[in-house]
Amino acid sequence: MKKQIINLLKILIITVFLQLIIMPTTANAMSWSEIFKSGSDFIERGKQGNTIAPYVQDAETRKNLDGTDAMDKMTNGEIQAKASSIYNTLLGIGVVLTVIIGGVLGIKFMISSVEDRAEVKKALIPYVLGCAVIYGAFGIWKIATVILNQL
């Protein structure tokens, strides 16, 4: 049984690493020389008493990798869409974990001896509390977003 759990964890870890490798990542970073030059320019303008407006103007001309303006503000709909996707992703992960752990505990309970069943019953307490915390947190998050969206 322990071997099966360890093999399942290995497969899960390999899957996560493969997703990290396969999924595209983008970065809109500046080089070190650009960072230091921007910092020096900022300090010089501060010593001269100039306003911050030129930096905002320079920042507005910067573009994201997809060509959109880097300084575009997110609308309420975009914020809600991103929060909803984060919520659904985390909830999905929580559901998968609770089902896997519950299944492992259930199988362990069915095939174990009397002494081992007592250990499984002890493990059920943190499992149930963890489920309550996870789903309670998601419930609070959903209630908070619904209430705040009405304001």
N, C-alpha and C. Protein backbone atom coordinates (compact mmCIF):
# COMPACT_ATOMS: atom_id res chain seq x y z
N MET A 1 0.82 -1.19 0.00
CA MET A 1 0.00 0.00 0.00
C MET A 1 0.87 1.25 0.00
N LYS A 2 1.94 1.23 0.80
CA LYS A 2 2.83 2.38 0.85
C LYS A 2 3.49 2.62 -0.50
N LYS A 3 3.84 1.53 -1.19
CA LYS A 3 4.46 1.64 -2.50
C LYS A 3 3.52 2.31 -3.49
N GLN A 4 2.24 1.96 -3.41
CA GLN A 4 1.25 2.54 -4.32
C GLN A 4 1.11 4.03 -4.07
N ILE A 5 1.08 4.43 -2.82
CA ILE A 5 0.97 5.85 -2.49
C ILE A 5 2.21 6.60 -2.97
N ILE A 6 3.38 6.01 -2.75
CA ILE A 6 4.62 6.65 -3.18
C ILE A 6 4.66 6.76 -4.70
N ASN A 7 4.24 5.71 -5.40
CA ASN A 7 4.19 5.75 -6.87
C ASN A 7 3.20 6.79 -7.36
N LEU A 8 2.06 6.91 -6.68
CA LEU A 8 1.07 7.93 -7.04
C LEU A 8 1.64 9.33 -6.85
N LEU A 9 2.34 9.54 -5.76
CA LEU A 9 2.96 10.84 -5.52
C LEU A 9 4.04 11.14 -6.56
N LYS A 10 4.82 10.12 -6.94
CA LYS A 10 5.83 10.32 -7.98
C LYS A 10 5.20 10.74 -9.29
N ILE A 11 4.13 10.06 -9.66
CA ILE A 11 3.44 10.40 -10.91
C ILE A 11 2.88 11.81 -10.84
N LEU A 12 2.32 12.19 -9.70
CA LEU A 12 1.78 13.53 -9.52
C LEU A 12 2.88 14.59 -9.65
N ILE A 13 4.02 14.35 -9.03
CA ILE A 13 5.14 15.30 -9.09
C ILE A 13 5.68 15.40 -10.51
N ILE A 14 5.82 14.28 -11.19
CA ILE A 14 6.30 14.31 -12.57
C ILE A 14 5.33 15.07 -13.46
N THR A 15 4.04 14.87 -13.26
CA THR A 15 3.04 15.59 -14.05
C THR A 15 3.13 17.09 -13.83
N VAL A 16 3.30 17.50 -12.59
CA VAL A 16 3.42 18.93 -12.30
C VAL A 16 4.66 19.51 -12.97
N PHE A 17 5.78 18.81 -12.87
CA PHE A 17 7.01 19.31 -13.50
C PHE A 17 6.88 19.35 -15.02
N LEU A 18 6.22 18.37 -15.62
CA LEU A 18 6.01 18.39 -17.06
C LEU A 18 5.14 19.58 -17.47
N GLN A 19 4.13 19.88 -16.67
CA GLN A 19 3.29 21.03 -16.97
C GLN A 19 4.09 22.31 -16.87
N LEU A 20 4.97 22.40 -15.89
CA LEU A 20 5.79 23.60 -15.76
C LEU A 20 6.74 23.76 -16.94
N ILE A 21 7.24 22.65 -17.46
CA ILE A 21 8.15 22.71 -18.59
C ILE A 21 7.41 23.04 -19.88
N ILE A 22 6.26 22.44 -20.08
CA ILE A 22 5.53 22.58 -21.33
C ILE A 22 4.81 23.92 -21.43
N MET A 23 4.25 24.39 -20.35
CA MET A 23 3.48 25.62 -20.39
C MET A 23 4.37 26.80 -20.74
N PRO A 24 3.92 27.66 -21.65
CA PRO A 24 4.75 28.80 -22.03
C PRO A 24 4.82 29.83 -20.92
N THR A 25 5.98 30.39 -20.76
CA THR A 25 6.14 31.46 -19.79
C THR A 25 6.70 32.68 -20.51
N THR A 26 6.26 33.83 -20.11
CA THR A 26 6.76 35.06 -20.70
C THR A 26 7.21 35.99 -19.59
N ALA A 27 8.18 36.79 -19.92
CA ALA A 27 8.66 37.76 -18.95
C ALA A 27 8.90 39.08 -19.67
N ASN A 28 8.45 40.14 -19.06
CA ASN A 28 8.65 41.46 -19.62
C ASN A 28 9.63 42.19 -18.71
N ALA A 29 10.87 41.74 -18.72
CA ALA A 29 11.86 42.25 -17.78
C ALA A 29 12.85 43.16 -18.49
N MET A 30 13.46 44.04 -17.71
CA MET A 30 14.50 44.92 -18.22
C MET A 30 15.85 44.31 -17.87
N SER A 31 16.86 44.72 -18.64
CA SER A 31 18.21 44.25 -18.32
C SER A 31 18.72 45.04 -17.11
N TRP A 32 19.82 44.55 -16.52
CA TRP A 32 20.38 45.22 -15.35
C TRP A 32 20.80 46.64 -15.68
N SER A 33 21.38 46.86 -16.85
CA SER A 33 21.83 48.20 -17.21
C SER A 33 20.64 49.16 -17.33
N GLU A 34 19.52 48.68 -17.89
CA GLU A 34 18.32 49.52 -17.98
C GLU A 34 17.77 49.84 -16.60
N ILE A 35 17.81 48.87 -15.70
CA ILE A 35 17.31 49.09 -14.34
C ILE A 35 18.15 50.16 -13.64
N PHE A 36 19.47 50.02 -13.71
CA PHE A 36 20.34 51.00 -13.05
C PHE A 36 20.21 52.38 -13.70
N LYS A 37 20.07 52.44 -15.02
CA LYS A 37 19.92 53.72 -15.71
C LYS A 37 18.61 54.39 -15.29
N SER A 38 17.54 53.61 -15.22
CA SER A 38 16.25 54.16 -14.78
C SER A 38 16.34 54.68 -13.36
N GLY A 39 17.01 53.94 -12.48
CA GLY A 39 17.18 54.39 -11.10
C GLY A 39 17.98 55.67 -11.01
N SER A 40 19.07 55.74 -11.78
CA SER A 40 19.90 56.96 -11.77
C SER A 40 19.12 58.15 -12.31
N ASP A 41 18.37 57.94 -13.40
CA ASP A 41 17.55 59.03 -13.95
C ASP A 41 16.51 59.49 -12.94
N PHE A 42 15.92 58.56 -12.25
CA PHE A 42 14.90 58.89 -11.25
C PHE A 42 15.50 59.74 -10.13
N ILE A 43 16.68 59.34 -9.66
CA ILE A 43 17.34 60.09 -8.59
C ILE A 43 17.71 61.49 -9.06
N GLU A 44 18.23 61.60 -10.28
CA GLU A 44 18.61 62.92 -10.82
C GLU A 44 17.40 63.83 -10.96
N ARG A 45 16.32 63.31 -11.45
CA ARG A 45 15.11 64.14 -11.59
C ARG A 45 14.57 64.55 -10.22
N GLY A 46 14.71 63.68 -9.23
CA GLY A 46 14.29 64.03 -7.88
C GLY A 46 15.14 65.14 -7.30
N LYS A 47 16.45 65.11 -7.57
CA LYS A 47 17.35 66.16 -7.09
C LYS A 47 17.05 67.49 -7.77
N GLN A 48 16.61 67.42 -9.02
CA GLN A 48 16.29 68.65 -9.76
C GLN A 48 14.90 69.17 -9.42
N GLY A 49 14.13 68.39 -8.72
CA GLY A 49 12.79 68.82 -8.33
C GLY A 49 11.76 68.61 -9.42
N ASN A 50 12.08 67.84 -10.44
CA ASN A 50 11.13 67.58 -11.52
C ASN A 50 10.02 66.65 -11.03
N THR A 51 8.93 66.69 -11.73
CA THR A 51 7.81 65.84 -11.36
C THR A 51 8.02 64.42 -11.88
N ILE A 52 7.14 63.57 -11.53
CA ILE A 52 7.22 62.17 -11.94
C ILE A 52 6.60 61.97 -13.32
N ALA A 53 5.98 63.01 -13.88
CA ALA A 53 5.26 62.87 -15.15
C ALA A 53 6.08 62.27 -16.28
N PRO A 54 7.36 62.63 -16.46
CA PRO A 54 8.11 62.01 -17.57
C PRO A 54 8.21 60.50 -17.44
N TYR A 55 8.26 59.99 -16.20
CA TYR A 55 8.35 58.55 -16.03
C TYR A 55 7.03 57.88 -16.39
N VAL A 56 5.94 58.53 -16.06
CA VAL A 56 4.66 57.97 -16.42
C VAL A 56 4.53 57.96 -17.93
N GLN A 57 4.99 59.03 -18.59
CA GLN A 57 4.94 59.10 -20.03
C GLN A 57 5.80 57.99 -20.65
N ASP A 58 7.02 57.82 -20.12
CA ASP A 58 7.90 56.77 -20.63
C ASP A 58 7.27 55.40 -20.39
N ALA A 59 6.65 55.24 -19.24
CA ALA A 59 6.05 53.96 -18.93
C ALA A 59 4.86 53.68 -19.84
N GLU A 60 4.14 54.73 -20.22
CA GLU A 60 2.98 54.53 -21.08
C GLU A 60 3.37 54.11 -22.48
N THR A 61 4.59 54.42 -22.91
CA THR A 61 5.02 54.02 -24.24
C THR A 61 5.49 52.57 -24.28
N ARG A 62 5.70 51.98 -23.12
CA ARG A 62 6.16 50.58 -23.07
C ARG A 62 5.00 49.67 -23.46
N LYS A 63 5.33 48.64 -24.17
CA LYS A 63 4.32 47.70 -24.63
C LYS A 63 4.58 46.33 -24.01
N ASN A 64 3.50 45.60 -23.80
CA ASN A 64 3.63 44.21 -23.37
C ASN A 64 4.11 43.37 -24.55
N LEU A 65 4.45 42.13 -24.30
CA LEU A 65 4.92 41.26 -25.37
C LEU A 65 3.86 41.03 -26.44
N ASP A 66 2.59 41.08 -26.05
CA ASP A 66 1.53 40.87 -27.04
C ASP A 66 1.14 42.16 -27.76
N GLY A 67 1.88 43.26 -27.51
CA GLY A 67 1.64 44.52 -28.21
C GLY A 67 0.65 45.43 -27.52
N THR A 68 0.04 45.01 -26.43
CA THR A 68 -0.90 45.87 -25.73
C THR A 68 -0.14 46.86 -24.85
N ASP A 69 -0.81 47.93 -24.50
CA ASP A 69 -0.19 48.96 -23.68
C ASP A 69 0.04 48.42 -22.27
N ALA A 70 1.25 48.62 -21.75
CA ALA A 70 1.60 48.09 -20.44
C ALA A 70 0.88 48.82 -19.31
N MET A 71 0.41 50.02 -19.56
CA MET A 71 -0.21 50.80 -18.50
C MET A 71 -1.73 50.76 -18.55
N ASP A 72 -2.31 49.89 -19.39
CA ASP A 72 -3.76 49.79 -19.43
C ASP A 72 -4.27 49.36 -18.07
N LYS A 73 -5.34 50.00 -17.65
CA LYS A 73 -5.95 49.62 -16.38
C LYS A 73 -6.94 48.50 -16.64
N MET A 74 -7.03 47.63 -15.66
CA MET A 74 -7.97 46.51 -15.78
C MET A 74 -9.37 47.01 -15.46
N THR A 75 -10.31 46.54 -16.23
CA THR A 75 -11.70 46.88 -15.95
C THR A 75 -12.24 45.92 -14.89
N ASN A 76 -13.41 46.26 -14.36
CA ASN A 76 -14.02 45.39 -13.35
C ASN A 76 -14.26 43.99 -13.90
N GLY A 77 -14.69 43.91 -15.15
CA GLY A 77 -14.95 42.61 -15.75
C GLY A 77 -13.69 41.76 -15.85
N GLU A 78 -12.56 42.40 -16.20
CA GLU A 78 -11.31 41.66 -16.30
C GLU A 78 -10.85 41.18 -14.93
N ILE A 79 -11.01 42.04 -13.92
CA ILE A 79 -10.64 41.65 -12.56
C ILE A 79 -11.50 40.47 -12.10
N GLN A 80 -12.80 40.55 -12.37
CA GLN A 80 -13.69 39.46 -11.98
C GLN A 80 -13.34 38.17 -12.71
N ALA A 81 -12.98 38.29 -13.99
CA ALA A 81 -12.63 37.10 -14.77
C ALA A 81 -11.35 36.45 -14.21
N LYS A 82 -10.35 37.26 -13.89
CA LYS A 82 -9.11 36.71 -13.34
C LYS A 82 -9.35 36.10 -11.97
N ALA A 83 -10.10 36.80 -11.11
CA ALA A 83 -10.40 36.26 -9.78
C ALA A 83 -11.21 34.97 -9.89
N SER A 84 -12.12 34.93 -10.84
CA SER A 84 -12.94 33.73 -11.03
C SER A 84 -12.08 32.55 -11.50
N SER A 85 -11.14 32.83 -12.40
CA SER A 85 -10.29 31.72 -12.87
C SER A 85 -9.37 31.23 -11.76
N ILE A 86 -8.85 32.15 -10.94
CA ILE A 86 -8.03 31.75 -9.79
C ILE A 86 -8.86 30.92 -8.82
N TYR A 87 -10.07 31.39 -8.53
CA TYR A 87 -10.98 30.69 -7.62
C TYR A 87 -11.25 29.28 -8.13
N ASN A 88 -11.62 29.17 -9.41
CA ASN A 88 -11.97 27.86 -9.96
C ASN A 88 -10.77 26.93 -9.98
N THR A 89 -9.57 27.45 -10.28
CA THR A 89 -8.38 26.62 -10.29
C THR A 89 -8.08 26.09 -8.89
N LEU A 90 -8.06 26.98 -7.91
CA LEU A 90 -7.75 26.56 -6.54
C LEU A 90 -8.83 25.62 -5.99
N LEU A 91 -10.09 25.89 -6.32
CA LEU A 91 -11.16 25.00 -5.88
C LEU A 91 -11.01 23.62 -6.51
N GLY A 92 -10.66 23.59 -7.79
CA GLY A 92 -10.44 22.31 -8.47
C GLY A 92 -9.32 21.51 -7.83
N ILE A 93 -8.21 22.21 -7.51
CA ILE A 93 -7.09 21.54 -6.84
C ILE A 93 -7.54 21.02 -5.48
N GLY A 94 -8.30 21.82 -4.74
CA GLY A 94 -8.80 21.39 -3.43
C GLY A 94 -9.70 20.18 -3.53
N VAL A 95 -10.58 20.16 -4.53
CA VAL A 95 -11.49 19.02 -4.71
C VAL A 95 -10.69 17.77 -5.06
N VAL A 96 -9.74 17.90 -5.99
CA VAL A 96 -8.94 16.74 -6.39
C VAL A 96 -8.17 16.19 -5.20
N LEU A 97 -7.55 17.08 -4.42
CA LEU A 97 -6.79 16.61 -3.26
C LEU A 97 -7.68 15.93 -2.22
N THR A 98 -8.83 16.50 -1.96
CA THR A 98 -9.70 15.88 -0.95
C THR A 98 -10.22 14.53 -1.44
N VAL A 99 -10.51 14.41 -2.73
CA VAL A 99 -10.98 13.12 -3.25
C VAL A 99 -9.87 12.08 -3.20
N ILE A 100 -8.65 12.47 -3.59
CA ILE A 100 -7.53 11.52 -3.57
C ILE A 100 -7.22 11.07 -2.14
N ILE A 101 -7.12 12.03 -1.24
CA ILE A 101 -6.80 11.68 0.14
C ILE A 101 -7.93 10.87 0.77
N GLY A 102 -9.17 11.27 0.50
CA GLY A 102 -10.31 10.51 1.02
C GLY A 102 -10.34 9.10 0.47
N GLY A 103 -10.02 8.95 -0.81
CA GLY A 103 -9.98 7.63 -1.42
C GLY A 103 -8.89 6.76 -0.82
N VAL A 104 -7.71 7.34 -0.60
CA VAL A 104 -6.61 6.59 0.01
C VAL A 104 -6.99 6.16 1.42
N LEU A 105 -7.57 7.08 2.19
CA LEU A 105 -7.99 6.72 3.55
C LEU A 105 -9.08 5.65 3.54
N GLY A 106 -10.01 5.75 2.59
CA GLY A 106 -11.08 4.76 2.49
C GLY A 106 -10.55 3.39 2.13
N ILE A 107 -9.65 3.34 1.17
CA ILE A 107 -9.07 2.05 0.78
C ILE A 107 -8.27 1.46 1.94
N LYS A 108 -7.52 2.33 2.59
CA LYS A 108 -6.74 1.88 3.75
C LYS A 108 -7.66 1.30 4.83
N PHE A 109 -8.79 1.96 5.05
CA PHE A 109 -9.74 1.51 6.07
C PHE A 109 -10.33 0.15 5.71
N MET A 110 -10.62 -0.05 4.41
CA MET A 110 -11.25 -1.30 3.98
C MET A 110 -10.31 -2.49 4.04
N ILE A 111 -9.04 -2.27 3.75
CA ILE A 111 -8.14 -3.43 3.66
C ILE A 111 -7.26 -3.60 4.88
N SER A 112 -7.40 -2.77 5.88
CA SER A 112 -6.50 -2.84 7.03
C SER A 112 -7.09 -3.69 8.15
N SER A 113 -6.22 -3.99 9.09
CA SER A 113 -6.64 -4.77 10.25
C SER A 113 -7.30 -3.83 11.27
N VAL A 114 -7.71 -4.39 12.39
CA VAL A 114 -8.41 -3.61 13.40
C VAL A 114 -7.52 -2.51 13.97
N GLU A 115 -6.26 -2.85 14.22
CA GLU A 115 -5.35 -1.83 14.78
C GLU A 115 -5.11 -0.69 13.79
N ASP A 116 -4.96 -1.07 12.52
CA ASP A 116 -4.72 -0.04 11.50
C ASP A 116 -5.96 0.81 11.26
N ARG A 117 -7.13 0.24 11.45
CA ARG A 117 -8.36 1.00 11.28
C ARG A 117 -8.44 2.13 12.32
N ALA A 118 -7.94 1.86 13.50
CA ALA A 118 -7.93 2.90 14.53
C ALA A 118 -7.03 4.06 14.09
N GLU A 119 -5.91 3.74 13.45
CA GLU A 119 -5.02 4.80 12.96
C GLU A 119 -5.68 5.59 11.84
N VAL A 120 -6.41 4.89 10.99
CA VAL A 120 -7.12 5.58 9.89
C VAL A 120 -8.18 6.50 10.47
N LYS A 121 -8.88 6.03 11.50
CA LYS A 121 -9.89 6.88 12.14
C LYS A 121 -9.26 8.12 12.75
N LYS A 122 -8.05 7.97 13.31
CA LYS A 122 -7.34 9.14 13.84
C LYS A 122 -6.96 10.10 12.72
N ALA A 123 -6.63 9.56 11.55
CA ALA A 123 -6.26 10.40 10.41
C ALA A 123 -7.48 11.09 9.80
N LEU A 124 -8.67 10.57 10.06
CA LEU A 124 -9.88 11.18 9.52
C LEU A 124 -10.18 12.54 10.15
N ILE A 125 -9.79 12.73 11.40
CA ILE A 125 -10.09 14.00 12.08
C ILE A 125 -9.39 15.16 11.37
N PRO A 126 -8.06 15.10 11.13
CA PRO A 126 -7.45 16.22 10.40
C PRO A 126 -7.95 16.32 8.96
N TYR A 127 -8.31 15.20 8.37
CA TYR A 127 -8.85 15.22 7.00
C TYR A 127 -10.16 15.99 6.96
N VAL A 128 -11.07 15.68 7.86
CA VAL A 128 -12.36 16.37 7.89
C VAL A 128 -12.17 17.85 8.22
N LEU A 129 -11.30 18.14 9.19
CA LEU A 129 -11.04 19.55 9.53
C LEU A 129 -10.42 20.29 8.34
N GLY A 130 -9.51 19.63 7.63
CA GLY A 130 -8.90 20.25 6.45
C GLY A 130 -9.93 20.52 5.36
N CYS A 131 -10.83 19.57 5.16
CA CYS A 131 -11.91 19.78 4.18
C CYS A 131 -12.79 20.96 4.58
N ALA A 132 -13.10 21.04 5.87
CA ALA A 132 -13.93 22.15 6.35
C ALA A 132 -13.22 23.48 6.15
N VAL A 133 -11.93 23.52 6.41
CA VAL A 133 -11.17 24.77 6.23
C VAL A 133 -11.12 25.15 4.76
N ILE A 134 -10.82 24.17 3.89
CA ILE A 134 -10.71 24.47 2.46
C ILE A 134 -12.04 24.97 1.91
N TYR A 135 -13.10 24.20 2.12
CA TYR A 135 -14.39 24.61 1.55
C TYR A 135 -14.97 25.82 2.27
N GLY A 136 -14.67 25.98 3.55
CA GLY A 136 -15.10 27.19 4.26
C GLY A 136 -14.41 28.42 3.70
N ALA A 137 -13.11 28.31 3.41
CA ALA A 137 -12.38 29.45 2.86
C ALA A 137 -12.92 29.82 1.48
N PHE A 138 -13.20 28.81 0.66
CA PHE A 138 -13.75 29.11 -0.66
C PHE A 138 -15.16 29.68 -0.56
N GLY A 139 -15.92 29.21 0.41
CA GLY A 139 -17.25 29.78 0.62
C GLY A 139 -17.18 31.23 1.05
N ILE A 140 -16.27 31.54 1.95
CA ILE A 140 -16.10 32.93 2.39
C ILE A 140 -15.65 33.80 1.23
N TRP A 141 -14.71 33.28 0.43
CA TRP A 141 -14.22 34.03 -0.73
C TRP A 141 -15.37 34.34 -1.68
N LYS A 142 -16.21 33.33 -1.96
CA LYS A 142 -17.32 33.52 -2.89
C LYS A 142 -18.33 34.51 -2.32
N ILE A 143 -18.63 34.40 -1.05
CA ILE A 143 -19.58 35.34 -0.43
C ILE A 143 -19.01 36.75 -0.47
N ALA A 144 -17.73 36.89 -0.16
CA ALA A 144 -17.11 38.23 -0.18
C ALA A 144 -17.13 38.84 -1.57
N THR A 145 -16.83 38.05 -2.59
CA THR A 145 -16.84 38.60 -3.95
C THR A 145 -18.24 38.97 -4.39
N VAL A 146 -19.24 38.17 -4.02
CA VAL A 146 -20.61 38.50 -4.39
C VAL A 146 -21.06 39.78 -3.71
N ILE A 147 -20.75 39.92 -2.42
CA ILE A 147 -21.14 41.13 -1.68
C ILE A 147 -20.41 42.35 -2.22
N LEU A 148 -19.10 42.22 -2.46
CA LEU A 148 -18.33 43.35 -2.94
C LEU A 148 -18.69 43.74 -4.37
N ASN A 149 -19.13 42.80 -5.18
CA ASN A 149 -19.55 43.13 -6.54
C ASN A 149 -20.84 43.93 -6.54
N GLN A 150 -21.64 43.80 -5.50
CA GLN A 150 -22.89 44.54 -5.43
C GLN A 150 -22.70 45.98 -4.99
N LEU A 151 -21.53 46.30 -4.44
CA LEU A 151 -21.27 47.68 -3.99
C LEU A 151 -21.01 48.61 -5.11
